C-alpha atoms as a PDB file:
ATOM      1  CA  MET A   1      98.055 128.207 114.865  1.00  0.00           C
ATOM      2  CA  ALA A   2      95.946 125.105 115.471  1.00  0.00           C
ATOM      3  CA  ILE A   3      92.776 124.415 113.509  1.00  0.00           C
ATOM      4  CA  SER A   4      89.916 122.892 115.464  1.00  0.00           C
ATOM      5  CA  GLY A   5      87.498 120.302 114.205  1.00  0.00           C
ATOM      6  CA  GLY A   6      85.001 117.712 115.283  1.00  0.00           C
ATOM      7  CA  CYS A   7      81.970 115.639 114.472  1.00  0.00           C
ATOM      8  CA  LEU A   8      78.442 116.791 113.674  1.00  0.00           C
ATOM      9  CA  CYS A   9      76.951 116.170 117.133  1.00  0.00           C
ATOM     10  CA  GLY A  10      79.888 117.745 118.999  1.00  0.00           C
ATOM     11  CA  ALA A  11      80.791 114.639 121.000  1.00  0.00           C
ATOM     12  CA  ILE A  12      84.277 114.553 119.426  1.00  0.00           C
ATOM     13  CA  ALA A  13      86.619 117.515 119.084  1.00  0.00           C
ATOM     14  CA  PHE A  14      90.259 117.889 118.093  1.00  0.00           C
ATOM     15  CA  ASP A  15      92.953 120.403 117.232  1.00  0.00           C
ATOM     16  CA  VAL A  16      95.499 119.914 114.462  1.00  0.00           C
ATOM     17  CA  GLU A  17      98.641 121.984 113.999  1.00  0.00           C
ATOM     18  CA  PRO A  18      99.822 122.872 110.500  1.00  0.00           C
ATOM     19  CA  PRO A  19     101.812 122.355 108.396  1.00  0.00           C
ATOM     20  CA  PHE A  20     100.138 119.583 106.446  1.00  0.00           C
ATOM     21  CA  ASP A  21     102.101 117.159 104.282  1.00  0.00           C
ATOM     22  CA  ALA A  22      99.330 116.783 101.718  1.00  0.00           C
ATOM     23  CA  PHE A  23      95.729 117.608 100.842  1.00  0.00           C
ATOM     24  CA  THR A  24      94.210 115.178  98.345  1.00  0.00           C
ATOM     25  CA  HIS A  25      90.915 114.140  96.797  1.00  0.00           C
ATOM     26  CA  CYS A  26      90.796 110.340  96.533  1.00  0.00           C
ATOM     27  CA  TYR A  27      88.355 108.640  94.163  1.00  0.00           C
ATOM     28  CA  CYS A  28      89.149 104.981  94.901  1.00  0.00           C
ATOM     29  CA  GLU A  29      86.228 102.653  95.590  1.00  0.00           C
ATOM     30  CA  ARG A  30      87.148 102.306  99.261  1.00  0.00           C
ATOM     31  CA  CYS A  31      87.174 106.054  99.867  1.00  0.00           C
ATOM     32  CA  ARG A  32      83.922 106.524  97.930  1.00  0.00           C
ATOM     33  CA  ARG A  33      82.157 103.867  99.973  1.00  0.00           C
ATOM     34  CA  ALA A  34      83.573 105.094 103.270  1.00  0.00           C
ATOM     35  CA  SER A  35      82.661 108.720 102.585  1.00  0.00           C
ATOM     36  CA  GLY A  36      79.340 108.045 100.874  1.00  0.00           C
ATOM     37  CA  ALA A  37      80.375 110.582  98.229  1.00  0.00           C
ATOM     38  CA  GLY A  38      82.260 110.711  94.941  1.00  0.00           C
ATOM     39  CA  ARG A  39      85.545 111.224  96.739  1.00  0.00           C
ATOM     40  CA  ALA A  40      87.216 111.557 100.105  1.00  0.00           C
ATOM     41  CA  SER A  41      89.047 114.835 100.726  1.00  0.00           C
ATOM     42  CA  VAL A  42      91.750 114.367 103.332  1.00  0.00           C
ATOM     43  CA  LEU A  43      94.747 116.142 104.790  1.00  0.00           C
ATOM     44  CA  ILE A  44      97.814 114.245 105.940  1.00  0.00           C
ATOM     45  CA  THR A  45     100.072 115.395 108.764  1.00  0.00           C
ATOM     46  CA  GLU A  46     102.424 114.001 111.387  1.00  0.00           C
ATOM     47  CA  ALA A  47     100.525 112.147 114.129  1.00  0.00           C
ATOM     48  CA  SER A  48     102.109 114.379 116.776  1.00  0.00           C
ATOM     49  CA  GLN A  49     100.271 117.386 115.289  1.00  0.00           C
ATOM     50  CA  LEU A  50      96.820 115.945 116.141  1.00  0.00           C
ATOM     51  CA  ARG A  51      95.424 116.459 119.643  1.00  0.00           C
ATOM     52  CA  TRP A  52      92.047 115.134 120.810  1.00  0.00           C
ATOM     53  CA  THR A  53      90.205 117.621 123.028  1.00  0.00           C
ATOM     54  CA  ARG A  54      86.958 115.700 123.568  1.00  0.00           C
ATOM     55  CA  GLY A  55      85.310 112.377 122.830  1.00  0.00           C
ATOM     56  CA  ASP A  56      87.747 109.499 123.335  1.00  0.00           C
ATOM     57  CA  ALA A  57      84.888 107.217 124.398  1.00  0.00           C
ATOM     58  CA  ASP A  58      82.821 108.221 121.345  1.00  0.00           C
ATOM     59  CA  ARG A  59      85.483 107.458 118.731  1.00  0.00           C
ATOM     60  CA  ARG A  60      85.706 104.095 116.958  1.00  0.00           C
ATOM     61  CA  ARG A  61      88.126 102.797 114.357  1.00  0.00           C
ATOM     62  CA  TRP A  62      87.526 100.115 111.776  1.00  0.00           C
ATOM     63  CA  ASP A  63      90.376  98.577 109.781  1.00  0.00           C
ATOM     64  CA  LEU A  64      89.510  96.894 106.493  1.00  0.00           C
ATOM     65  CA  PRO A  65      90.880  93.354 107.054  1.00  0.00           C
ATOM     66  CA  SER A  66      91.751  92.773 103.384  1.00  0.00           C
ATOM     67  CA  ALA A  67      93.771  96.017 103.091  1.00  0.00           C
ATOM     68  CA  SER A  68      97.240  96.782 104.342  1.00  0.00           C
ATOM     69  CA  SER A  69      96.445 100.376 105.226  1.00  0.00           C
ATOM     70  CA  PHE A  70      92.744 101.286 104.816  1.00  0.00           C
ATOM     71  CA  ALA A  71      90.752 102.287 107.893  1.00  0.00           C
ATOM     72  CA  THR A  72      87.968 104.591 108.994  1.00  0.00           C
ATOM     73  CA  SER A  73      87.373 106.397 112.253  1.00  0.00           C
ATOM     74  CA  PHE A  74      83.982 107.762 113.220  1.00  0.00           C
ATOM     75  CA  CYS A  75      81.771 109.115 115.983  1.00  0.00           C
ATOM     76  CA  THR A  76      79.594 106.411 117.549  1.00  0.00           C
ATOM     77  CA  THR A  77      76.808 108.942 118.161  1.00  0.00           C
ATOM     78  CA  CYS A  78      76.409 110.723 114.804  1.00  0.00           C
ATOM     79  CA  GLY A  79      78.520 108.524 112.494  1.00  0.00           C
ATOM     80  CA  CYS A  80      80.666 111.389 111.164  1.00  0.00           C
ATOM     81  CA  HIS A  81      84.167 110.630 109.997  1.00  0.00           C
ATOM     82  CA  VAL A  82      86.895 111.936 112.282  1.00  0.00           C
ATOM     83  CA  PRO A  83      90.691 111.829 112.030  1.00  0.00           C
ATOM     84  CA  ARG A  84      92.565 108.560 112.303  1.00  0.00           C
ATOM     85  CA  LEU A  85      96.164 107.509 112.588  1.00  0.00           C
ATOM     86  CA  THR A  86      97.800 105.384 109.938  1.00  0.00           C
ATOM     87  CA  ARG A  87      98.417 101.811 111.045  1.00  0.00           C
ATOM     88  CA  ASP A  88     102.074 102.546 111.713  1.00  0.00           C
ATOM     89  CA  GLY A  89     100.983 105.484 113.900  1.00  0.00           C
ATOM     90  CA  ARG A  90     103.255 108.006 112.201  1.00  0.00           C
ATOM     91  CA  HIS A  91     100.664 110.066 110.324  1.00  0.00           C
ATOM     92  CA  ALA A  92      97.194 111.411 110.915  1.00  0.00           C
ATOM     93  CA  VAL A  93      94.558 111.390 108.184  1.00  0.00           C
ATOM     94  CA  ILE A  94      92.191 114.326 108.685  1.00  0.00           C
ATOM     95  CA  PRO A  95      88.851 114.424 106.821  1.00  0.00           C
ATOM     96  CA  ALA A  96      88.764 117.941 105.362  1.00  0.00           C
ATOM     97  CA  GLY A  97      85.063 118.273 106.113  1.00  0.00           C
ATOM     98  CA  SER A  98      85.684 117.714 109.830  1.00  0.00           C
ATOM     99  CA  LEU A  99      87.637 120.978 110.183  1.00  0.00           C
ATOM    100  CA  ASN A 100      85.916 124.059 111.625  1.00  0.00           C
ATOM    101  CA  GLY A 101      87.846 126.393 109.327  1.00  0.00           C
ATOM    102  CA  PRO A 102      89.863 126.355 106.132  1.00  0.00           C
ATOM    103  CA  PRO A 103      93.286 124.729 106.208  1.00  0.00           C
ATOM    104  CA  PRO A 104      96.308 126.768 105.093  1.00  0.00           C
ATOM    105  CA  ILE A 105      96.757 124.486 102.078  1.00  0.00           C
ATOM    106  CA  THR A 106      94.645 123.819  98.983  1.00  0.00           C
ATOM    107  CA  PRO A 107      94.036 120.398  97.432  1.00  0.00           C
ATOM    108  CA  GLN A 108      97.101 119.212  95.541  1.00  0.00           C
ATOM    109  CA  CYS A 109      95.810 116.334  93.450  1.00  0.00           C
ATOM    110  CA  HIS A 110      93.074 113.899  92.456  1.00  0.00           C
ATOM    111  CA  GLU A 111      94.186 110.376  93.457  1.00  0.00           C
ATOM    112  CA  HIS A 112      92.895 107.189  91.811  1.00  0.00           C
ATOM    113  CA  TRP A 113      91.129 109.205  89.117  1.00  0.00           C
ATOM    114  CA  ALA A 114      90.786 106.134  86.892  1.00  0.00           C
ATOM    115  CA  SER A 115      88.704 104.502  89.656  1.00  0.00           C
ATOM    116  CA  ARG A 116      86.224 107.382  89.920  1.00  0.00           C
ATOM    117  CA  ALA A 117      82.493 106.782  89.679  1.00  0.00           C
ATOM    118  CA  GLN A 118      81.070 107.475  86.209  1.00  0.00           C
ATOM    119  CA  TRP A 119      78.933 110.307  87.580  1.00  0.00           C
ATOM    120  CA  VAL A 120      81.824 112.297  89.109  1.00  0.00           C
ATOM    121  CA  CYS A 121      82.337 115.733  87.535  1.00  0.00           C
ATOM    122  CA  LEU A 122      85.807 117.247  87.616  1.00  0.00           C
ATOM    123  CA  ASP A 123      84.529 120.712  86.760  1.00  0.00           C
ATOM    124  CA  GLU A 124      81.615 121.112  89.150  1.00  0.00           C
ATOM    125  CA  THR A 125      80.997 124.644  87.901  1.00  0.00           C
ATOM    126  CA  GLU A 126      79.317 123.066  84.867  1.00  0.00           C
ATOM    127  CA  LEU A 127      76.360 122.184  87.117  1.00  0.00           C
ATOM    128  CA  PRO A 128      73.675 124.682  88.208  1.00  0.00           C
ATOM    129  CA  VAL A 129      74.540 126.415  91.482  1.00  0.00           C
ATOM    130  CA  PHE A 130      72.054 127.307  94.242  1.00  0.00           C
ATOM    131  CA  ASP A 131      72.802 129.176  97.485  1.00  0.00           C
ATOM    132  CA  GLY A 132      70.273 126.982  99.287  1.00  0.00           C
ATOM    133  CA  ASP A 133      68.334 123.816  98.514  1.00  0.00           C
ATOM    134  CA  ALA A 134      67.799 123.026  94.837  1.00  0.00           C
ATOM    135  CA  PRO A 135      64.243 123.812  93.685  1.00  0.00           C
END
């Protein structure tokens, strides 16, 4: 059964069919900068399993010129990250946060852990937890 997803403003929508090849948390500098967070959480699948349902005109891709495989894809309206194909076109990289529901796979690993930011916590349960905004 397909999982739907999209951007924050709703201009872009997609469906992706499981199974997924991988679900990883990447801590490399490129992923941190691109995501604006301590890591990028992405699912990898065959490109044929991704289907765009809305927003072709609103989707942009940027390839890092100095890298052989790094790219980002985002909504031109709200700036949210959306899926992208690898440069060879064989795989789709799906930002986990862009899915409307949980994938049928849990994260499998932490990639580039040695490159993580000094403030990244592996065990986030050590921090105080609030159901809403922090006081």
